[in-house]
Amino acid sequence: MDGVFYPDRADLSQYVKVDGFRDLEACRQWVDGQAQILGDPSILLGDYECAFGTVRGYPGLEVYRQTTR
């Protein structure tokens, strides 16, 4: 499972991505930590995705079987 955290939901070109979480809960815990660090503990300013099953990768874009929050 991979996680992507967007610090500013209005600018999705800026993000932090981490690969290899063991499950959805681990991904969500990482997201919560990122949000805390940036002073957005309720994730009101940012956004995130947790995804698994890479179907295909393109330069700057990966397609997954499923994404969730």
PDB file of N, CA and C in Angstrom:
ATOM      1  N   MET A   1       0.847  -1.173   0.000  1.00  0.00           N
ATOM      2  CA  MET A   1       0.000   0.000   0.000  1.00  0.00           C
ATOM      3  C   MET A   1       0.890   1.233   0.000  1.00  0.00           C
ATOM      4  N   ASP A   2       0.514   2.213  -0.790  1.00  0.00           N
ATOM      5  CA  ASP A   2       1.245   3.467  -0.892  1.00  0.00           C
ATOM      6  C   ASP A   2       0.392   4.602  -0.331  1.00  0.00           C
ATOM      7  N   GLY A   3       1.037   5.608   0.201  1.00  0.00           N
ATOM      8  CA  GLY A   3       0.341   6.765   0.735  1.00  0.00           C
ATOM      9  C   GLY A   3       0.834   8.042   0.084  1.00  0.00           C
ATOM     10  N   VAL A   4      -0.107   8.934  -0.202  1.00  0.00           N
ATOM     11  CA  VAL A   4       0.221  10.245  -0.764  1.00  0.00           C
ATOM     12  C   VAL A   4      -0.464  11.292   0.101  1.00  0.00           C
ATOM     13  N   PHE A   5       0.321  12.248   0.587  1.00  0.00           N
ATOM     14  CA  PHE A   5      -0.202  13.335   1.408  1.00  0.00           C
ATOM     15  C   PHE A   5       0.003  14.643   0.664  1.00  0.00           C
ATOM     16  N   TYR A   6      -1.084  15.401   0.514  1.00  0.00           N
ATOM     17  CA  TYR A   6      -1.059  16.713  -0.131  1.00  0.00           C
ATOM     18  C   TYR A   6      -1.220  17.775   0.957  1.00  0.00           C
ATOM     19  N   PRO A   7      -0.184  18.541   1.272  1.00  0.00           N
ATOM     20  CA  PRO A   7      -0.294  19.556   2.326  1.00  0.00           C
ATOM     21  C   PRO A   7      -1.341  20.629   2.031  1.00  0.00           C
ATOM     22  N   ASP A   8      -1.570  20.915   0.746  1.00  0.00           N
ATOM     23  CA  ASP A   8      -2.526  21.944   0.330  1.00  0.00           C
ATOM     24  C   ASP A   8      -3.468  21.328  -0.692  1.00  0.00           C
ATOM     25  N   ARG A   9      -4.705  21.086  -0.292  1.00  0.00           N
ATOM     26  CA  ARG A   9      -5.657  20.428  -1.195  1.00  0.00           C
ATOM     27  C   ARG A   9      -5.943  21.246  -2.452  1.00  0.00           C
ATOM     28  N   ALA A  10      -5.593  22.523  -2.459  1.00  0.00           N
ATOM     29  CA  ALA A  10      -5.787  23.360  -3.642  1.00  0.00           C
ATOM     30  C   ALA A  10      -4.610  23.272  -4.613  1.00  0.00           C
ATOM     31  N   ASP A  11      -3.515  22.629  -4.199  1.00  0.00           N
ATOM     32  CA  ASP A  11      -2.322  22.504  -5.046  1.00  0.00           C
ATOM     33  C   ASP A  11      -1.815  21.062  -4.990  1.00  0.00           C
ATOM     34  N   LEU A  12      -2.388  20.208  -5.824  1.00  0.00           N
ATOM     35  CA  LEU A  12      -2.038  18.789  -5.810  1.00  0.00           C
ATOM     36  C   LEU A  12      -0.709  18.494  -6.488  1.00  0.00           C
ATOM     37  N   SER A  13      -0.037  19.529  -6.979  1.00  0.00           N
ATOM     38  CA  SER A  13       1.294  19.310  -7.561  1.00  0.00           C
ATOM     39  C   SER A  13       2.349  19.150  -6.464  1.00  0.00           C
ATOM     40  N   GLN A  14       2.016  19.546  -5.243  1.00  0.00           N
ATOM     41  CA  GLN A  14       2.924  19.410  -4.101  1.00  0.00           C
ATOM     42  C   GLN A  14       2.435  18.253  -3.230  1.00  0.00           C
ATOM     43  N   TYR A  15       3.276  17.243  -3.066  1.00  0.00           N
ATOM     44  CA  TYR A  15       2.867  16.081  -2.281  1.00  0.00           C
ATOM     45  C   TYR A  15       4.076  15.340  -1.730  1.00  0.00           C
ATOM     46  N   VAL A  16       3.794  14.486  -0.757  1.00  0.00           N
ATOM     47  CA  VAL A  16       4.790  13.580  -0.186  1.00  0.00           C
ATOM     48  C   VAL A  16       4.236  12.177  -0.393  1.00  0.00           C
ATOM     49  N   LYS A  17       5.038  11.282  -0.965  1.00  0.00           N
ATOM     50  CA  LYS A  17       4.588   9.917  -1.256  1.00  0.00           C
ATOM     51  C   LYS A  17       5.507   8.927  -0.566  1.00  0.00           C
ATOM     52  N   VAL A  18       4.896   7.932   0.065  1.00  0.00           N
ATOM     53  CA  VAL A  18       5.643   6.856   0.712  1.00  0.00           C
ATOM     54  C   VAL A  18       5.052   5.529   0.248  1.00  0.00           C
ATOM     55  N   ASP A  19       5.912   4.618  -0.160  1.00  0.00           N
ATOM     56  CA  ASP A  19       5.494   3.297  -0.625  1.00  0.00           C
ATOM     57  C   ASP A  19       5.695   2.251   0.469  1.00  0.00           C
ATOM     58  N   GLY A  20       4.904   1.192   0.394  1.00  0.00           N
ATOM     59  CA  GLY A  20       5.172   0.005   1.188  1.00  0.00           C
ATOM     60  C   GLY A  20       4.541  -0.102   2.561  1.00  0.00           C
ATOM     61  N   PHE A  21       3.426   0.586   2.800  1.00  0.00           N
ATOM     62  CA  PHE A  21       2.740   0.395   4.079  1.00  0.00           C
ATOM     63  C   PHE A  21       2.156  -1.011   4.135  1.00  0.00           C
ATOM     64  N   ARG A  22       2.127  -1.597   5.323  1.00  0.00           N
ATOM     65  CA  ARG A  22       1.638  -2.974   5.455  1.00  0.00           C
ATOM     66  C   ARG A  22       0.120  -3.064   5.323  1.00  0.00           C
ATOM     67  N   ASP A  23      -0.590  -1.960   5.684  1.00  0.00           N
ATOM     68  CA  ASP A  23      -2.050  -1.977   5.600  1.00  0.00           C
ATOM     69  C   ASP A  23      -2.584  -0.541   5.625  1.00  0.00           C
ATOM     70  N   LEU A  24      -3.904  -0.430   5.497  1.00  0.00           N
ATOM     71  CA  LEU A  24      -4.556   0.881   5.455  1.00  0.00           C
ATOM     72  C   LEU A  24      -4.342   1.656   6.753  1.00  0.00           C
ATOM     73  N   GLU A  25      -4.410   0.985   7.870  1.00  0.00           N
ATOM     74  CA  GLU A  25      -4.231   1.668   9.157  1.00  0.00           C
ATOM     75  C   GLU A  25      -2.843   2.296   9.271  1.00  0.00           C
ATOM     76  N   ALA A  26      -1.816   1.596   8.810  1.00  0.00           N
ATOM     77  CA  ALA A  26      -0.454   2.144   8.849  1.00  0.00           C
ATOM     78  C   ALA A  26      -0.346   3.373   7.953  1.00  0.00           C
ATOM     79  N   CYS A  27      -0.992   3.336   6.804  1.00  0.00           N
ATOM     80  CA  CYS A  27      -0.995   4.494   5.900  1.00  0.00           C
ATOM     81  C   CYS A  27      -1.680   5.685   6.573  1.00  0.00           C
ATOM     82  N   ARG A  28      -2.827   5.442   7.176  1.00  0.00           N
ATOM     83  CA  ARG A  28      -3.560   6.522   7.847  1.00  0.00           C
ATOM     84  C   ARG A  28      -2.775   7.101   9.024  1.00  0.00           C
ATOM     85  N   GLN A  29      -2.065   6.264   9.748  1.00  0.00           N
ATOM     86  CA  GLN A  29      -1.244   6.759  10.854  1.00  0.00           C
ATOM     87  C   GLN A  29      -0.138   7.669  10.338  1.00  0.00           C
ATOM     88  N   TRP A  30       0.474   7.303   9.223  1.00  0.00           N
ATOM     89  CA  TRP A  30       1.503   8.150   8.622  1.00  0.00           C
ATOM     90  C   TRP A  30       0.899   9.495   8.201  1.00  0.00           C
ATOM     91  N   VAL A  31      -0.276   9.450   7.569  1.00  0.00           N
ATOM     92  CA  VAL A  31      -0.953  10.682   7.149  1.00  0.00           C
ATOM     93  C   VAL A  31      -1.233  11.570   8.361  1.00  0.00           C
ATOM     94  N   ASP A  32      -1.743  10.985   9.426  1.00  0.00           N
ATOM     95  CA  ASP A  32      -2.016  11.762  10.642  1.00  0.00           C
ATOM     96  C   ASP A  32      -0.747  12.435  11.155  1.00  0.00           C
ATOM     97  N   GLY A  33       0.361  11.726  11.109  1.00  0.00           N
ATOM     98  CA  GLY A  33       1.638  12.300  11.538  1.00  0.00           C
ATOM     99  C   GLY A  33       2.064  13.467  10.669  1.00  0.00           C
ATOM    100  N   GLN A  34       1.913  13.325   9.354  1.00  0.00           N
ATOM    101  CA  GLN A  34       2.262  14.410   8.441  1.00  0.00           C
ATOM    102  C   GLN A  34       1.399  15.638   8.712  1.00  0.00           C
ATOM    103  N   ALA A  35       0.098  15.415   8.906  1.00  0.00           N
ATOM    104  CA  ALA A  35      -0.820  16.524   9.176  1.00  0.00           C
ATOM    105  C   ALA A  35      -0.467  17.219  10.495  1.00  0.00           C
ATOM    106  N   GLN A  36      -0.119  16.443  11.514  1.00  0.00           N
ATOM    107  CA  GLN A  36       0.279  17.021  12.807  1.00  0.00           C
ATOM    108  C   GLN A  36       1.520  17.899  12.648  1.00  0.00           C
ATOM    109  N   ILE A  37       2.513  17.389  11.923  1.00  0.00           N
ATOM    110  CA  ILE A  37       3.761  18.134  11.714  1.00  0.00           C
ATOM    111  C   ILE A  37       3.488  19.488  11.070  1.00  0.00           C
ATOM    112  N   LEU A  38       2.537  19.526  10.132  1.00  0.00           N
ATOM    113  CA  LEU A  38       2.242  20.755   9.402  1.00  0.00           C
ATOM    114  C   LEU A  38       1.172  21.614  10.078  1.00  0.00           C
ATOM    115  N   GLY A  39       0.736  21.227  11.275  1.00  0.00           N
ATOM    116  CA  GLY A  39      -0.232  22.034  12.008  1.00  0.00           C
ATOM    117  C   GLY A  39      -1.651  21.944  11.481  1.00  0.00           C
ATOM    118  N   ASP A  40      -1.987  20.840  10.821  1.00  0.00           N
ATOM    119  CA  ASP A  40      -3.327  20.629  10.270  1.00  0.00           C
ATOM    120  C   ASP A  40      -3.868  19.279  10.765  1.00  0.00           C
ATOM    121  N   PRO A  41      -4.011  19.108  12.101  1.00  0.00           N
ATOM    122  CA  PRO A  41      -4.353  17.794  12.646  1.00  0.00           C
ATOM    123  C   PRO A  41      -5.697  17.234  12.184  1.00  0.00           C
ATOM    124  N   SER A  42      -6.615  18.079  11.783  1.00  0.00           N
ATOM    125  CA  SER A  42      -7.915  17.607  11.294  1.00  0.00           C
ATOM    126  C   SER A  42      -7.930  17.416   9.780  1.00  0.00           C
ATOM    127  N   ILE A  43      -6.809  17.659   9.153  1.00  0.00           N
ATOM    128  CA  ILE A  43      -6.644  17.547   7.689  1.00  0.00           C
ATOM    129  C   ILE A  43      -7.724  18.356   6.971  1.00  0.00           C
ATOM    130  N   LEU A  44      -7.839  19.619   7.360  1.00  0.00           N
ATOM    131  CA  LEU A  44      -8.783  20.531   6.722  1.00  0.00           C
ATOM    132  C   LEU A  44      -8.153  21.251   5.540  1.00  0.00           C
ATOM    133  N   LEU A  45      -6.855  21.513   5.621  1.00  0.00           N
ATOM    134  CA  LEU A  45      -6.158  22.228   4.547  1.00  0.00           C
ATOM    135  C   LEU A  45      -5.575  21.270   3.521  1.00  0.00           C
ATOM    136  N   GLY A  46      -5.191  20.100   3.967  1.00  0.00           N
ATOM    137  CA  GLY A  46      -4.557  19.119   3.098  1.00  0.00           C
ATOM    138  C   GLY A  46      -5.523  18.031   2.667  1.00  0.00           C
ATOM    139  N   ASP A  47      -4.961  17.004   2.031  1.00  0.00           N
ATOM    140  CA  ASP A  47      -5.738  15.851   1.586  1.00  0.00           C
ATOM    141  C   ASP A  47      -4.788  14.669   1.477  1.00  0.00           C
ATOM    142  N   TYR A  48      -5.326  13.487   1.277  1.00  0.00           N
ATOM    143  CA  TYR A  48      -4.471  12.313   1.161  1.00  0.00           C
ATOM    144  C   TYR A  48      -5.176  11.185   0.423  1.00  0.00           C
ATOM    145  N   GLU A  49      -4.387  10.207   0.017  1.00  0.00           N
ATOM    146  CA  GLU A  49      -4.881   8.973  -0.577  1.00  0.00           C
ATOM    147  C   GLU A  49      -4.014   7.830  -0.079  1.00  0.00           C
ATOM    148  N   CYS A  50      -4.633   6.707   0.162  1.00  0.00           N
ATOM    149  CA  CYS A  50      -3.927   5.458   0.406  1.00  0.00           C
ATOM    150  C   CYS A  50      -4.356   4.531  -0.723  1.00  0.00           C
ATOM    151  N   ALA A  51      -3.402   3.910  -1.378  1.00  0.00           N
ATOM    152  CA  ALA A  51      -3.722   3.145  -2.584  1.00  0.00           C
ATOM    153  C   ALA A  51      -2.949   1.838  -2.626  1.00  0.00           C
ATOM    154  N   PHE A  52      -3.537   0.854  -3.312  1.00  0.00           N
ATOM    155  CA  PHE A  52      -2.823  -0.408  -3.496  1.00  0.00           C
ATOM    156  C   PHE A  52      -3.111  -0.977  -4.876  1.00  0.00           C
ATOM    157  N   GLY A  53      -2.235  -1.861  -5.283  1.00  0.00           N
ATOM    158  CA  GLY A  53      -2.408  -2.538  -6.566  1.00  0.00           C
ATOM    159  C   GLY A  53      -2.043  -1.673  -7.752  1.00  0.00           C
ATOM    160  N   THR A  54      -0.764  -1.321  -7.871  1.00  0.00           N
ATOM    161  CA  THR A  54      -0.344  -0.514  -9.018  1.00  0.00           C
ATOM    162  C   THR A  54      -0.659  -1.266 -10.305  1.00  0.00           C
ATOM    163  N   VAL A  55      -1.439  -0.651 -11.165  1.00  0.00           N
ATOM    164  CA  VAL A  55      -1.800  -1.243 -12.447  1.00  0.00           C
ATOM    165  C   VAL A  55      -0.790  -0.831 -13.502  1.00  0.00           C
ATOM    166  N   ARG A  56      -0.452   0.438 -13.494  1.00  0.00           N
ATOM    167  CA  ARG A  56       0.466   0.959 -14.495  1.00  0.00           C
ATOM    168  C   ARG A  56       1.068   2.253 -13.991  1.00  0.00           C
ATOM    169  N   GLY A  57       2.308   2.471 -14.360  1.00  0.00           N
ATOM    170  CA  GLY A  57       2.975   3.711 -14.002  1.00  0.00           C
ATOM    171  C   GLY A  57       3.347   4.505 -15.241  1.00  0.00           C
ATOM    172  N   TYR A  58       3.174   5.774 -15.168  1.00  0.00           N
ATOM    173  CA  TYR A  58       3.559   6.719 -16.210  1.00  0.00           C
ATOM    174  C   TYR A  58       4.470   7.751 -15.555  1.00  0.00           C
ATOM    175  N   PRO A  59       5.249   8.485 -16.322  1.00  0.00           N
ATOM    176  CA  PRO A  59       6.069   9.541 -15.713  1.00  0.00           C
ATOM    177  C   PRO A  59       5.180  10.533 -14.942  1.00  0.00           C
ATOM    178  N   GLY A  60       5.382  10.595 -13.634  1.00  0.00           N
ATOM    179  CA  GLY A  60       4.616  11.521 -12.806  1.00  0.00           C
ATOM    180  C   GLY A  60       3.219  11.060 -12.443  1.00  0.00           C
ATOM    181  N   LEU A  61       2.844   9.827 -12.824  1.00  0.00           N
ATOM    182  CA  LEU A  61       1.490   9.341 -12.555  1.00  0.00           C
ATOM    183  C   LEU A  61       1.511   7.829 -12.384  1.00  0.00           C
ATOM    184  N   GLU A  62       0.847   7.355 -11.342  1.00  0.00           N
ATOM    185  CA  GLU A  62       0.672   5.919 -11.150  1.00  0.00           C
ATOM    186  C   GLU A  62      -0.817   5.625 -11.072  1.00  0.00           C
ATOM    187  N   VAL A  63      -1.238   4.542 -11.696  1.00  0.00           N
ATOM    188  CA  VAL A  63      -2.635   4.127 -11.681  1.00  0.00           C
ATOM    189  C   VAL A  63      -2.754   2.912 -10.762  1.00  0.00           C
ATOM    190  N   TYR A  64      -3.697   2.977  -9.828  1.00  0.00           N
ATOM    191  CA  TYR A  64      -3.894   1.912  -8.849  1.00  0.00           C
ATOM    192  C   TYR A  64      -5.250   1.244  -9.050  1.00  0.00           C
ATOM    193  N   ARG A  65      -5.355   0.003  -8.583  1.00  0.00           N
ATOM    194  CA  ARG A  65      -6.644  -0.694  -8.622  1.00  0.00           C
ATOM    195  C   ARG A  65      -7.643  -0.032  -7.692  1.00  0.00           C
ATOM    196  N   GLN A  66      -7.165   0.423  -6.522  1.00  0.00           N
ATOM    197  CA  GLN A  66      -8.078   1.041  -5.564  1.00  0.00           C
ATOM    198  C   GLN A  66      -7.361   2.108  -4.748  1.00  0.00           C
ATOM    199  N   THR A  67      -8.057   3.220  -4.536  1.00  0.00           N
ATOM    200  CA  THR A  67      -7.577   4.263  -3.628  1.00  0.00           C
ATOM    201  C   THR A  67      -8.670   4.528  -2.602  1.00  0.00           C
ATOM    202  N   THR A  68      -8.248   4.907  -1.421  1.00  0.00           N
ATOM    203  CA  THR A  68      -9.206   5.182  -0.353  1.00  0.00           C
ATOM    204  C   THR A  68      -8.621   6.232   0.583  1.00  0.00           C
ATOM    205  N   ARG A  69      -9.424   6.707   1.493  1.00  0.00           N
ATOM    206  CA  ARG A  69      -8.974   7.668   2.500  1.00  0.00           C
ATOM    207  C   ARG A  69      -9.051   7.046   3.862  1.00  0.00           C
TER     208      ARG A  69
END
